[in-house]
Amino acid sequence: MTDAKPTGGVPQEGEDIMIAAGTSFVFDLSESPIYGMISIQGCVSFLSDNSKDQHLQAHNIYVHTGKLNIGSKQTPYTKKAKITLYGDFDSPTITTGQLVEAGNKAIANNGEIKIYGKSRSRMSRLH
């Protein structure tokens, strides 16, 4: 995630990332390091110019009060967008409000996730 750190650098393997409310970041990597927890209170969007496949890797993603966007109605994402979650039985879990556990290797959403891709004439499967 470009400029996700105050120093302007890309977060490193294993780091937790907090996207603060009021901030927006464009995920522009072909393949990310494996991050810890990505907590989104602002907005994260995959690169919208459809120039390359992208692969986001993390242990957990929590869209707290923010947004995670892959493509849009006007510009669907036509390349391959992939999110891989890592962990095992003993990995830490995401805890949302009121101590509700969402599990490990999870995408928890209290905010907004929008994914727009190629139009399909039949049902599709998520991989």
N, C-alpha and C. Protein backbone atom coordinates (compact mmCIF):
# COMPACT_ATOMS: atom_id res chain seq x y z
N MET A 1 0.84 -1.16 0.00
CA MET A 1 0.00 0.00 0.00
C MET A 1 0.89 1.22 0.00
N THR A 2 0.83 1.95 -1.01
CA THR A 2 1.68 3.11 -1.15
C THR A 2 1.39 4.12 -0.05
N ASP A 3 2.44 4.64 0.53
CA ASP A 3 2.34 5.69 1.55
C ASP A 3 1.48 5.31 2.75
N ALA A 4 1.41 4.04 3.07
CA ALA A 4 0.61 3.62 4.21
C ALA A 4 1.31 3.90 5.54
N LYS A 5 2.57 4.32 5.47
CA LYS A 5 3.30 4.66 6.68
C LYS A 5 3.61 6.15 6.66
N PRO A 6 3.71 6.76 7.83
CA PRO A 6 4.01 8.19 7.87
C PRO A 6 5.29 8.56 7.12
N THR A 7 6.23 7.62 7.03
CA THR A 7 7.48 7.91 6.34
C THR A 7 7.34 7.81 4.83
N GLY A 8 6.18 7.35 4.35
CA GLY A 8 5.96 7.24 2.92
C GLY A 8 6.38 5.91 2.33
N GLY A 9 6.83 4.97 3.17
CA GLY A 9 7.27 3.68 2.66
C GLY A 9 6.17 2.65 2.65
N VAL A 10 6.44 1.55 1.98
CA VAL A 10 5.50 0.44 1.94
C VAL A 10 5.65 -0.36 3.23
N PRO A 11 4.55 -0.72 3.90
CA PRO A 11 4.65 -1.54 5.12
C PRO A 11 5.38 -2.85 4.82
N GLN A 12 6.04 -3.36 5.82
CA GLN A 12 6.86 -4.56 5.67
C GLN A 12 6.11 -5.82 6.12
N GLU A 13 6.66 -6.96 5.74
CA GLU A 13 6.14 -8.27 6.11
C GLU A 13 5.81 -8.33 7.60
N GLY A 14 4.60 -8.81 7.93
CA GLY A 14 4.19 -9.00 9.32
C GLY A 14 3.64 -7.78 10.02
N GLU A 15 3.81 -6.60 9.44
CA GLU A 15 3.33 -5.39 10.09
C GLU A 15 1.80 -5.29 10.06
N ASP A 16 1.26 -4.72 11.12
CA ASP A 16 -0.15 -4.37 11.15
C ASP A 16 -0.30 -3.00 10.50
N ILE A 17 -1.41 -2.79 9.80
CA ILE A 17 -1.63 -1.54 9.08
C ILE A 17 -2.95 -0.95 9.53
N MET A 18 -2.95 0.33 9.87
CA MET A 18 -4.17 1.05 10.23
C MET A 18 -4.38 2.16 9.21
N ILE A 19 -5.49 2.11 8.49
CA ILE A 19 -5.86 3.17 7.57
C ILE A 19 -6.85 4.05 8.33
N ALA A 20 -6.41 5.20 8.76
CA ALA A 20 -7.21 6.08 9.62
C ALA A 20 -8.40 6.68 8.87
N ALA A 21 -9.43 7.01 9.62
CA ALA A 21 -10.60 7.68 9.06
C ALA A 21 -10.15 8.96 8.36
N GLY A 22 -10.75 9.24 7.22
CA GLY A 22 -10.42 10.45 6.47
C GLY A 22 -9.23 10.30 5.54
N THR A 23 -8.59 9.12 5.52
CA THR A 23 -7.46 8.90 4.62
C THR A 23 -7.83 7.87 3.57
N SER A 24 -7.24 8.01 2.40
CA SER A 24 -7.47 7.08 1.30
C SER A 24 -6.13 6.61 0.76
N PHE A 25 -6.04 5.31 0.49
CA PHE A 25 -4.83 4.73 -0.07
C PHE A 25 -5.18 3.86 -1.26
N VAL A 26 -4.28 3.83 -2.22
CA VAL A 26 -4.43 2.97 -3.38
C VAL A 26 -3.46 1.81 -3.23
N PHE A 27 -3.97 0.60 -3.24
CA PHE A 27 -3.13 -0.59 -3.23
C PHE A 27 -2.64 -0.78 -4.65
N ASP A 28 -1.33 -0.64 -4.86
CA ASP A 28 -0.79 -0.64 -6.22
C ASP A 28 0.33 -1.67 -6.42
N LEU A 29 0.39 -2.68 -5.56
CA LEU A 29 1.44 -3.69 -5.67
C LEU A 29 0.94 -4.90 -6.46
N SER A 30 1.84 -5.49 -7.24
CA SER A 30 1.50 -6.74 -7.91
C SER A 30 1.32 -7.85 -6.89
N GLU A 31 2.16 -7.85 -5.85
CA GLU A 31 2.05 -8.81 -4.76
C GLU A 31 2.58 -8.17 -3.49
N SER A 32 1.75 -8.13 -2.48
CA SER A 32 2.16 -7.51 -1.21
C SER A 32 2.94 -8.50 -0.36
N PRO A 33 3.69 -7.98 0.62
CA PRO A 33 4.21 -8.87 1.65
C PRO A 33 3.00 -9.43 2.42
N ILE A 34 3.22 -10.40 3.29
CA ILE A 34 2.13 -10.91 4.12
C ILE A 34 2.04 -10.02 5.35
N TYR A 35 1.01 -9.19 5.40
CA TYR A 35 0.82 -8.27 6.51
C TYR A 35 0.14 -8.99 7.67
N GLY A 36 0.16 -8.36 8.84
CA GLY A 36 -0.58 -8.86 10.00
C GLY A 36 -2.04 -8.49 9.82
N MET A 37 -2.52 -7.61 10.66
CA MET A 37 -3.90 -7.12 10.60
C MET A 37 -3.95 -5.85 9.77
N ILE A 38 -4.88 -5.78 8.82
CA ILE A 38 -5.15 -4.54 8.10
C ILE A 38 -6.49 -4.04 8.63
N SER A 39 -6.47 -2.91 9.31
CA SER A 39 -7.69 -2.32 9.86
C SER A 39 -8.01 -1.07 9.06
N ILE A 40 -9.21 -1.03 8.47
CA ILE A 40 -9.57 0.05 7.56
C ILE A 40 -10.69 0.89 8.16
N GLN A 41 -10.35 2.14 8.48
CA GLN A 41 -11.35 3.11 8.92
C GLN A 41 -11.51 4.19 7.86
N GLY A 42 -10.54 4.30 6.97
CA GLY A 42 -10.59 5.21 5.83
C GLY A 42 -11.01 4.45 4.60
N CYS A 43 -10.25 4.57 3.51
CA CYS A 43 -10.60 3.91 2.26
C CYS A 43 -9.35 3.30 1.62
N VAL A 44 -9.47 2.04 1.19
CA VAL A 44 -8.43 1.36 0.43
C VAL A 44 -9.05 0.91 -0.89
N SER A 45 -8.40 1.26 -1.99
CA SER A 45 -8.88 0.87 -3.32
C SER A 45 -7.75 0.20 -4.07
N PHE A 46 -8.06 -0.88 -4.77
CA PHE A 46 -7.09 -1.49 -5.67
C PHE A 46 -6.86 -0.52 -6.83
N LEU A 47 -5.68 -0.56 -7.42
CA LEU A 47 -5.32 0.28 -8.56
C LEU A 47 -6.42 0.18 -9.62
N SER A 48 -6.91 1.31 -10.08
CA SER A 48 -8.10 1.30 -10.94
C SER A 48 -7.83 1.38 -12.44
N ASP A 49 -6.56 1.38 -12.85
CA ASP A 49 -6.29 1.53 -14.29
C ASP A 49 -6.22 0.19 -15.03
N ASN A 50 -6.49 -0.92 -14.31
CA ASN A 50 -6.50 -2.25 -14.92
C ASN A 50 -5.20 -2.59 -15.65
N SER A 51 -4.07 -2.11 -15.13
CA SER A 51 -2.79 -2.32 -15.79
C SER A 51 -2.08 -3.60 -15.36
N LYS A 52 -2.49 -4.20 -14.22
CA LYS A 52 -1.79 -5.39 -13.75
C LYS A 52 -2.65 -6.18 -12.77
N ASP A 53 -2.32 -7.48 -12.64
CA ASP A 53 -2.93 -8.30 -11.60
C ASP A 53 -2.40 -7.83 -10.25
N GLN A 54 -3.22 -7.99 -9.20
CA GLN A 54 -2.80 -7.57 -7.87
C GLN A 54 -3.16 -8.63 -6.85
N HIS A 55 -2.29 -8.79 -5.85
CA HIS A 55 -2.45 -9.82 -4.83
C HIS A 55 -2.17 -9.20 -3.47
N LEU A 56 -3.20 -9.08 -2.65
CA LEU A 56 -3.08 -8.56 -1.29
C LEU A 56 -3.06 -9.74 -0.33
N GLN A 57 -2.03 -9.77 0.56
CA GLN A 57 -1.86 -10.88 1.49
C GLN A 57 -1.83 -10.36 2.92
N ALA A 58 -2.60 -10.99 3.79
CA ALA A 58 -2.65 -10.57 5.19
C ALA A 58 -3.17 -11.72 6.05
N HIS A 59 -3.00 -11.57 7.35
CA HIS A 59 -3.58 -12.54 8.27
C HIS A 59 -5.06 -12.23 8.47
N ASN A 60 -5.39 -10.96 8.62
CA ASN A 60 -6.78 -10.54 8.81
C ASN A 60 -6.98 -9.18 8.16
N ILE A 61 -8.19 -8.95 7.70
CA ILE A 61 -8.59 -7.64 7.19
C ILE A 61 -9.89 -7.27 7.90
N TYR A 62 -9.89 -6.11 8.54
CA TYR A 62 -11.08 -5.65 9.25
C TYR A 62 -11.48 -4.30 8.68
N VAL A 63 -12.57 -4.30 7.92
CA VAL A 63 -13.12 -3.05 7.39
C VAL A 63 -14.03 -2.52 8.49
N HIS A 64 -13.42 -1.71 9.36
CA HIS A 64 -14.08 -1.26 10.59
C HIS A 64 -15.21 -0.29 10.27
N THR A 65 -14.87 0.91 9.91
CA THR A 65 -15.87 1.92 9.54
C THR A 65 -15.58 2.49 8.16
N GLY A 66 -14.63 1.87 7.47
CA GLY A 66 -14.17 2.41 6.20
C GLY A 66 -14.68 1.63 5.00
N LYS A 67 -13.89 1.70 3.91
CA LYS A 67 -14.28 1.10 2.64
C LYS A 67 -13.10 0.35 2.03
N LEU A 68 -13.42 -0.78 1.39
CA LEU A 68 -12.47 -1.54 0.58
C LEU A 68 -13.10 -1.67 -0.79
N ASN A 69 -12.44 -1.11 -1.80
CA ASN A 69 -12.98 -1.10 -3.16
C ASN A 69 -12.05 -1.81 -4.13
N ILE A 70 -12.65 -2.67 -4.96
CA ILE A 70 -11.93 -3.28 -6.08
C ILE A 70 -12.79 -2.98 -7.30
N GLY A 71 -12.33 -2.07 -8.15
CA GLY A 71 -13.11 -1.64 -9.29
C GLY A 71 -14.27 -0.74 -8.88
N SER A 72 -15.07 -0.34 -9.86
CA SER A 72 -16.26 0.48 -9.62
C SER A 72 -17.28 0.18 -10.70
N LYS A 73 -18.50 0.67 -10.54
CA LYS A 73 -19.51 0.46 -11.58
C LYS A 73 -19.03 1.04 -12.90
N GLN A 74 -18.39 2.21 -12.85
CA GLN A 74 -17.93 2.88 -14.06
C GLN A 74 -16.68 2.21 -14.65
N THR A 75 -15.81 1.70 -13.80
CA THR A 75 -14.57 1.06 -14.25
C THR A 75 -14.38 -0.27 -13.53
N PRO A 76 -15.03 -1.33 -14.00
CA PRO A 76 -14.86 -2.64 -13.36
C PRO A 76 -13.39 -3.08 -13.43
N TYR A 77 -12.98 -3.85 -12.44
CA TYR A 77 -11.62 -4.37 -12.39
C TYR A 77 -11.54 -5.56 -13.34
N THR A 78 -10.74 -5.46 -14.38
CA THR A 78 -10.69 -6.51 -15.40
C THR A 78 -9.46 -7.41 -15.29
N LYS A 79 -8.49 -7.04 -14.50
CA LYS A 79 -7.35 -7.91 -14.25
C LYS A 79 -7.69 -8.84 -13.09
N LYS A 80 -6.73 -9.63 -12.64
CA LYS A 80 -6.96 -10.56 -11.54
C LYS A 80 -6.67 -9.88 -10.21
N ALA A 81 -7.68 -9.78 -9.36
CA ALA A 81 -7.53 -9.24 -8.01
C ALA A 81 -7.64 -10.42 -7.04
N LYS A 82 -6.63 -10.59 -6.22
CA LYS A 82 -6.60 -11.75 -5.34
C LYS A 82 -6.30 -11.29 -3.91
N ILE A 83 -7.03 -11.85 -2.94
CA ILE A 83 -6.76 -11.61 -1.53
C ILE A 83 -6.54 -12.97 -0.90
N THR A 84 -5.37 -13.16 -0.27
CA THR A 84 -5.06 -14.41 0.42
C THR A 84 -4.91 -14.13 1.90
N LEU A 85 -5.59 -14.94 2.72
CA LEU A 85 -5.53 -14.80 4.17
C LEU A 85 -4.71 -15.96 4.75
N TYR A 86 -3.86 -15.66 5.75
CA TYR A 86 -2.95 -16.63 6.33
C TYR A 86 -3.23 -16.80 7.81
N GLY A 87 -2.92 -17.96 8.31
CA GLY A 87 -3.04 -18.22 9.74
C GLY A 87 -3.26 -19.69 9.98
N ASP A 88 -3.34 -20.05 11.26
CA ASP A 88 -3.64 -21.43 11.63
C ASP A 88 -4.54 -21.41 12.86
N PHE A 89 -4.79 -22.56 13.41
CA PHE A 89 -5.74 -22.70 14.52
C PHE A 89 -5.41 -21.76 15.68
N ASP A 90 -4.13 -21.55 15.96
CA ASP A 90 -3.71 -20.75 17.11
C ASP A 90 -3.51 -19.27 16.78
N SER A 91 -3.79 -18.86 15.55
CA SER A 91 -3.60 -17.46 15.17
C SER A 91 -4.58 -16.57 15.91
N PRO A 92 -4.18 -15.32 16.20
CA PRO A 92 -5.10 -14.39 16.86
C PRO A 92 -6.36 -14.17 16.02
N THR A 93 -7.47 -13.91 16.69
CA THR A 93 -8.73 -13.69 16.01
C THR A 93 -9.05 -12.20 15.96
N ILE A 94 -9.94 -11.82 15.04
CA ILE A 94 -10.45 -10.45 14.99
C ILE A 94 -11.58 -10.37 16.01
N THR A 95 -11.53 -9.36 16.88
CA THR A 95 -12.61 -9.12 17.82
C THR A 95 -13.27 -7.82 17.44
N THR A 96 -14.54 -7.89 17.09
CA THR A 96 -15.30 -6.69 16.74
C THR A 96 -15.96 -6.16 18.02
N GLY A 97 -16.79 -5.13 17.89
CA GLY A 97 -17.44 -4.54 19.06
C GLY A 97 -18.14 -5.56 19.94
N GLN A 98 -18.21 -5.29 21.21
CA GLN A 98 -18.87 -6.14 22.21
C GLN A 98 -18.25 -7.53 22.31
N LEU A 99 -16.97 -7.61 22.05
CA LEU A 99 -16.21 -8.85 22.20
C LEU A 99 -16.69 -10.01 21.34
N VAL A 100 -17.24 -9.71 20.16
CA VAL A 100 -17.64 -10.73 19.21
C VAL A 100 -16.42 -11.15 18.41
N GLU A 101 -16.07 -12.43 18.44
CA GLU A 101 -14.92 -12.91 17.70
C GLU A 101 -15.33 -13.29 16.29
N ALA A 102 -14.61 -12.74 15.31
CA ALA A 102 -14.90 -13.02 13.90
C ALA A 102 -14.03 -14.15 13.38
N GLY A 103 -13.13 -14.65 14.18
CA GLY A 103 -12.27 -15.75 13.76
C GLY A 103 -10.91 -15.26 13.29
N ASN A 104 -10.06 -16.21 12.88
CA ASN A 104 -8.77 -15.86 12.30
C ASN A 104 -8.84 -16.16 10.81
N LYS A 105 -7.87 -15.65 10.06
CA LYS A 105 -7.91 -15.76 8.59
C LYS A 105 -9.24 -15.23 8.09
N ALA A 106 -9.58 -14.00 8.48
CA ALA A 106 -10.92 -13.49 8.20
C ALA A 106 -10.89 -12.11 7.57
N ILE A 107 -11.93 -11.86 6.79
CA ILE A 107 -12.25 -10.49 6.39
C ILE A 107 -13.52 -10.17 7.16
N ALA A 108 -13.41 -9.26 8.12
CA ALA A 108 -14.57 -8.83 8.89
C ALA A 108 -15.00 -7.47 8.35
N ASN A 109 -16.30 -7.29 8.23
CA ASN A 109 -16.80 -6.06 7.61
C ASN A 109 -17.91 -5.44 8.43
N ASN A 110 -17.63 -4.26 8.97
CA ASN A 110 -18.65 -3.41 9.58
C ASN A 110 -18.84 -2.17 8.73
N GLY A 111 -18.00 -2.02 7.72
CA GLY A 111 -18.03 -0.84 6.85
C GLY A 111 -18.65 -1.17 5.51
N GLU A 112 -17.84 -1.03 4.45
CA GLU A 112 -18.35 -1.23 3.09
C GLU A 112 -17.29 -1.89 2.22
N ILE A 113 -17.65 -2.99 1.59
CA ILE A 113 -16.77 -3.65 0.62
C ILE A 113 -17.52 -3.69 -0.71
N LYS A 114 -16.88 -3.14 -1.75
CA LYS A 114 -17.47 -3.16 -3.09
C LYS A 114 -16.47 -3.76 -4.06
N ILE A 115 -16.92 -4.77 -4.80
CA ILE A 115 -16.06 -5.45 -5.77
C ILE A 115 -16.81 -5.50 -7.10
N TYR A 116 -16.21 -4.88 -8.11
CA TYR A 116 -16.78 -4.87 -9.46
C TYR A 116 -15.75 -5.46 -10.42
N GLY A 117 -16.17 -6.46 -11.17
CA GLY A 117 -15.28 -7.10 -12.13
C GLY A 117 -15.95 -7.26 -13.48
N LYS A 118 -15.40 -8.17 -14.25
CA LYS A 118 -15.93 -8.44 -15.59
C LYS A 118 -17.38 -8.90 -15.50
N SER A 119 -18.19 -8.47 -16.45
CA SER A 119 -19.57 -8.94 -16.52
C SER A 119 -19.58 -10.41 -16.90
N ARG A 120 -20.47 -11.15 -16.30
CA ARG A 120 -20.58 -12.57 -16.59
C ARG A 120 -22.04 -12.89 -16.91
N SER A 121 -22.24 -13.79 -17.81
CA SER A 121 -23.60 -14.14 -18.22
C SER A 121 -24.16 -15.30 -17.40
N ARG A 122 -23.35 -15.88 -16.54
CA ARG A 122 -23.80 -17.00 -15.72
C ARG A 122 -23.27 -16.83 -14.31
N MET A 123 -23.69 -17.69 -13.42
CA MET A 123 -23.22 -17.64 -12.04
C MET A 123 -21.72 -17.88 -11.98
N SER A 124 -21.07 -17.27 -11.02
CA SER A 124 -19.62 -17.42 -10.85
C SER A 124 -19.33 -17.96 -9.46
N ARG A 125 -18.16 -18.55 -9.32
CA ARG A 125 -17.71 -19.03 -8.02
C ARG A 125 -16.58 -18.15 -7.53
N LEU A 126 -16.55 -17.93 -6.23
CA LEU A 126 -15.42 -17.26 -5.61
C LEU A 126 -14.35 -18.30 -5.36
N HIS A 127 -13.10 -17.95 -5.59
CA HIS A 127 -11.99 -18.89 -5.38
C HIS A 127 -11.19 -18.44 -4.21
